[in-house]
Amino acid sequence: MSTATVNNLIEEFIHLPLDDKVYATEVIKKQLIEAKREAIDKRAKTAMAAFRKKRTKSGTAKDLYRDLESD
């Protein structure tokens, strides 16, 4: 979405009656929650695929820190 479009959206929002602002805010919050869920689902599927293909590492927390420090 372009900056101009976002600015137009905000400008229109400012002029809405309070009830409409509340409703629009609730809709936007629910859509944001759903978008976050979809992103988590996508990351989980990617991680599970990597795990199944044995592209992941396992070990203790110390192993993890050691591995991170060596990068």
N, C-alpha and C. Protein backbone atom coordinates (compact mmCIF):
# COMPACT_ATOMS: atom_id res chain seq x y z
N MET A 1 0.86 -1.18 0.00
CA MET A 1 0.00 0.00 0.00
C MET A 1 0.90 1.23 0.00
N SER A 2 0.57 2.18 -0.82
CA SER A 2 1.40 3.38 -0.92
C SER A 2 1.14 4.32 0.26
N THR A 3 2.09 5.19 0.48
CA THR A 3 1.98 6.18 1.55
C THR A 3 0.77 7.07 1.35
N ALA A 4 0.51 7.43 0.10
CA ALA A 4 -0.64 8.29 -0.19
C ALA A 4 -1.94 7.60 0.20
N THR A 5 -2.03 6.31 -0.08
CA THR A 5 -3.24 5.56 0.26
C THR A 5 -3.43 5.49 1.77
N VAL A 6 -2.35 5.23 2.49
CA VAL A 6 -2.43 5.17 3.95
C VAL A 6 -2.83 6.54 4.49
N ASN A 7 -2.23 7.57 3.98
CA ASN A 7 -2.59 8.93 4.43
C ASN A 7 -4.05 9.24 4.15
N ASN A 8 -4.56 8.83 2.98
CA ASN A 8 -5.98 9.03 2.66
C ASN A 8 -6.87 8.26 3.62
N LEU A 9 -6.47 7.04 3.92
CA LEU A 9 -7.24 6.22 4.86
C LEU A 9 -7.31 6.89 6.23
N ILE A 10 -6.20 7.38 6.70
CA ILE A 10 -6.15 8.07 8.00
C ILE A 10 -7.00 9.34 7.98
N GLU A 11 -6.89 10.08 6.90
CA GLU A 11 -7.68 11.31 6.78
C GLU A 11 -9.18 11.00 6.81
N GLU A 12 -9.60 9.97 6.10
CA GLU A 12 -11.02 9.58 6.10
C GLU A 12 -11.45 9.09 7.48
N PHE A 13 -10.56 8.34 8.14
CA PHE A 13 -10.86 7.81 9.46
C PHE A 13 -11.13 8.94 10.45
N ILE A 14 -10.35 9.99 10.36
CA ILE A 14 -10.49 11.13 11.27
C ILE A 14 -11.90 11.71 11.21
N HIS A 15 -12.52 11.67 10.05
CA HIS A 15 -13.83 12.30 9.87
C HIS A 15 -15.01 11.36 10.17
N LEU A 16 -14.73 10.12 10.52
CA LEU A 16 -15.83 9.18 10.83
C LEU A 16 -16.45 9.50 12.18
N PRO A 17 -17.72 9.16 12.33
CA PRO A 17 -18.35 9.28 13.66
C PRO A 17 -17.70 8.26 14.61
N LEU A 18 -17.80 8.49 15.90
CA LEU A 18 -17.15 7.65 16.90
C LEU A 18 -17.53 6.18 16.75
N ASP A 19 -18.81 5.87 16.58
CA ASP A 19 -19.24 4.47 16.45
C ASP A 19 -18.57 3.79 15.26
N ASP A 20 -18.44 4.50 14.17
CA ASP A 20 -17.78 3.94 12.99
C ASP A 20 -16.28 3.75 13.23
N LYS A 21 -15.68 4.66 13.98
CA LYS A 21 -14.26 4.52 14.32
C LYS A 21 -14.04 3.26 15.16
N VAL A 22 -14.91 3.06 16.13
CA VAL A 22 -14.80 1.88 17.00
C VAL A 22 -14.95 0.62 16.16
N TYR A 23 -15.95 0.58 15.30
CA TYR A 23 -16.18 -0.59 14.46
C TYR A 23 -14.99 -0.85 13.53
N ALA A 24 -14.49 0.20 12.88
CA ALA A 24 -13.36 0.05 11.96
C ALA A 24 -12.13 -0.45 12.71
N THR A 25 -11.91 0.06 13.91
CA THR A 25 -10.76 -0.37 14.71
C THR A 25 -10.87 -1.84 15.06
N GLU A 26 -12.06 -2.30 15.43
CA GLU A 26 -12.26 -3.72 15.77
C GLU A 26 -12.00 -4.61 14.55
N VAL A 27 -12.48 -4.20 13.40
CA VAL A 27 -12.27 -4.98 12.18
C VAL A 27 -10.78 -5.06 11.85
N ILE A 28 -10.09 -3.94 11.95
CA ILE A 28 -8.66 -3.90 11.64
C ILE A 28 -7.88 -4.77 12.62
N LYS A 29 -8.22 -4.71 13.91
CA LYS A 29 -7.53 -5.53 14.91
C LYS A 29 -7.71 -7.01 14.60
N LYS A 30 -8.94 -7.41 14.25
CA LYS A 30 -9.20 -8.82 13.94
C LYS A 30 -8.44 -9.27 12.70
N GLN A 31 -8.36 -8.40 11.71
CA GLN A 31 -7.61 -8.75 10.50
C GLN A 31 -6.12 -8.84 10.78
N LEU A 32 -5.61 -7.99 11.65
CA LEU A 32 -4.21 -8.04 12.03
C LEU A 32 -3.90 -9.34 12.77
N ILE A 33 -4.78 -9.73 13.68
CA ILE A 33 -4.61 -10.99 14.40
C ILE A 33 -4.58 -12.15 13.43
N GLU A 34 -5.48 -12.16 12.47
CA GLU A 34 -5.53 -13.24 11.48
C GLU A 34 -4.27 -13.26 10.62
N ALA A 35 -3.78 -12.09 10.23
CA ALA A 35 -2.55 -12.02 9.43
C ALA A 35 -1.36 -12.57 10.23
N LYS A 36 -1.30 -12.25 11.52
CA LYS A 36 -0.23 -12.79 12.37
C LYS A 36 -0.34 -14.30 12.49
N ARG A 37 -1.56 -14.80 12.65
CA ARG A 37 -1.76 -16.27 12.71
C ARG A 37 -1.27 -16.95 11.44
N GLU A 38 -1.59 -16.36 10.31
CA GLU A 38 -1.17 -16.93 9.04
C GLU A 38 0.35 -16.92 8.91
N ALA A 39 1.00 -15.85 9.39
CA ALA A 39 2.46 -15.78 9.34
C ALA A 39 3.09 -16.84 10.24
N ILE A 40 2.52 -17.02 11.43
CA ILE A 40 3.02 -18.06 12.35
C ILE A 40 2.83 -19.43 11.73
N ASP A 41 1.68 -19.68 11.13
CA ASP A 41 1.41 -20.96 10.49
C ASP A 41 2.42 -21.24 9.37
N LYS A 42 2.70 -20.23 8.58
CA LYS A 42 3.66 -20.39 7.48
C LYS A 42 5.05 -20.71 8.02
N ARG A 43 5.48 -19.99 9.08
CA ARG A 43 6.80 -20.26 9.67
C ARG A 43 6.85 -21.66 10.28
N ALA A 44 5.76 -22.08 10.91
CA ALA A 44 5.72 -23.41 11.51
C ALA A 44 5.82 -24.49 10.44
N LYS A 45 5.11 -24.31 9.34
CA LYS A 45 5.17 -25.29 8.26
C LYS A 45 6.57 -25.36 7.66
N THR A 46 7.21 -24.20 7.52
CA THR A 46 8.59 -24.16 7.00
C THR A 46 9.53 -24.88 7.96
N ALA A 47 9.37 -24.63 9.25
CA ALA A 47 10.22 -25.27 10.26
C ALA A 47 10.00 -26.78 10.29
N MET A 48 8.75 -27.21 10.20
CA MET A 48 8.47 -28.65 10.21
C MET A 48 9.04 -29.33 8.97
N ALA A 49 8.97 -28.67 7.83
CA ALA A 49 9.54 -29.24 6.61
C ALA A 49 11.05 -29.37 6.76
N ALA A 50 11.70 -28.37 7.32
CA ALA A 50 13.15 -28.43 7.53
C ALA A 50 13.49 -29.54 8.51
N PHE A 51 12.66 -29.71 9.54
CA PHE A 51 12.89 -30.77 10.53
C PHE A 51 12.77 -32.14 9.87
N ARG A 52 11.74 -32.33 9.06
CA ARG A 52 11.54 -33.62 8.38
C ARG A 52 12.70 -33.94 7.44
N LYS A 53 13.28 -32.91 6.83
CA LYS A 53 14.39 -33.11 5.90
C LYS A 53 15.73 -33.13 6.63
N LYS A 54 15.66 -33.14 7.97
CA LYS A 54 16.85 -33.19 8.82
C LYS A 54 17.81 -32.03 8.57
N ARG A 55 17.26 -30.85 8.34
CA ARG A 55 18.07 -29.65 8.15
C ARG A 55 18.13 -28.82 9.43
N THR A 56 17.74 -29.39 10.53
CA THR A 56 17.76 -28.68 11.81
C THR A 56 18.82 -29.31 12.71
N LYS A 57 19.21 -28.56 13.71
CA LYS A 57 20.19 -29.05 14.67
C LYS A 57 19.48 -29.34 15.98
N SER A 58 20.06 -30.22 16.76
CA SER A 58 19.52 -30.47 18.10
C SER A 58 20.67 -30.45 19.08
N GLY A 59 20.35 -30.21 20.33
CA GLY A 59 21.37 -30.17 21.36
C GLY A 59 20.86 -29.44 22.58
N THR A 60 21.77 -29.18 23.48
CA THR A 60 21.42 -28.48 24.71
C THR A 60 21.44 -26.97 24.48
N ALA A 61 21.03 -26.24 25.50
CA ALA A 61 21.08 -24.77 25.42
C ALA A 61 22.52 -24.32 25.27
N LYS A 62 23.45 -24.99 25.95
CA LYS A 62 24.87 -24.65 25.82
C LYS A 62 25.33 -24.84 24.37
N ASP A 63 24.88 -25.93 23.74
CA ASP A 63 25.23 -26.19 22.34
C ASP A 63 24.71 -25.06 21.45
N LEU A 64 23.50 -24.63 21.73
CA LEU A 64 22.89 -23.55 20.95
C LEU A 64 23.71 -22.27 21.08
N TYR A 65 24.04 -21.89 22.32
CA TYR A 65 24.83 -20.68 22.52
C TYR A 65 26.20 -20.79 21.85
N ARG A 66 26.82 -21.94 21.98
CA ARG A 66 28.13 -22.15 21.36
C ARG A 66 28.02 -21.99 19.85
N ASP A 67 26.97 -22.56 19.27
CA ASP A 67 26.75 -22.48 17.83
C ASP A 67 26.50 -21.03 17.39
N LEU A 68 25.71 -20.31 18.17
CA LEU A 68 25.42 -18.92 17.85
C LEU A 68 26.67 -18.05 17.94
N GLU A 69 27.51 -18.30 18.93
CA GLU A 69 28.73 -17.53 19.10
C GLU A 69 29.75 -17.79 17.99
N SER A 70 29.69 -18.97 17.38
CA SER A 70 30.66 -19.31 16.35
C SER A 70 30.32 -18.70 14.99
N ASP A 71 29.13 -18.13 14.87
CA ASP A 71 28.73 -17.51 13.58
C ASP A 71 29.38 -16.21 13.34
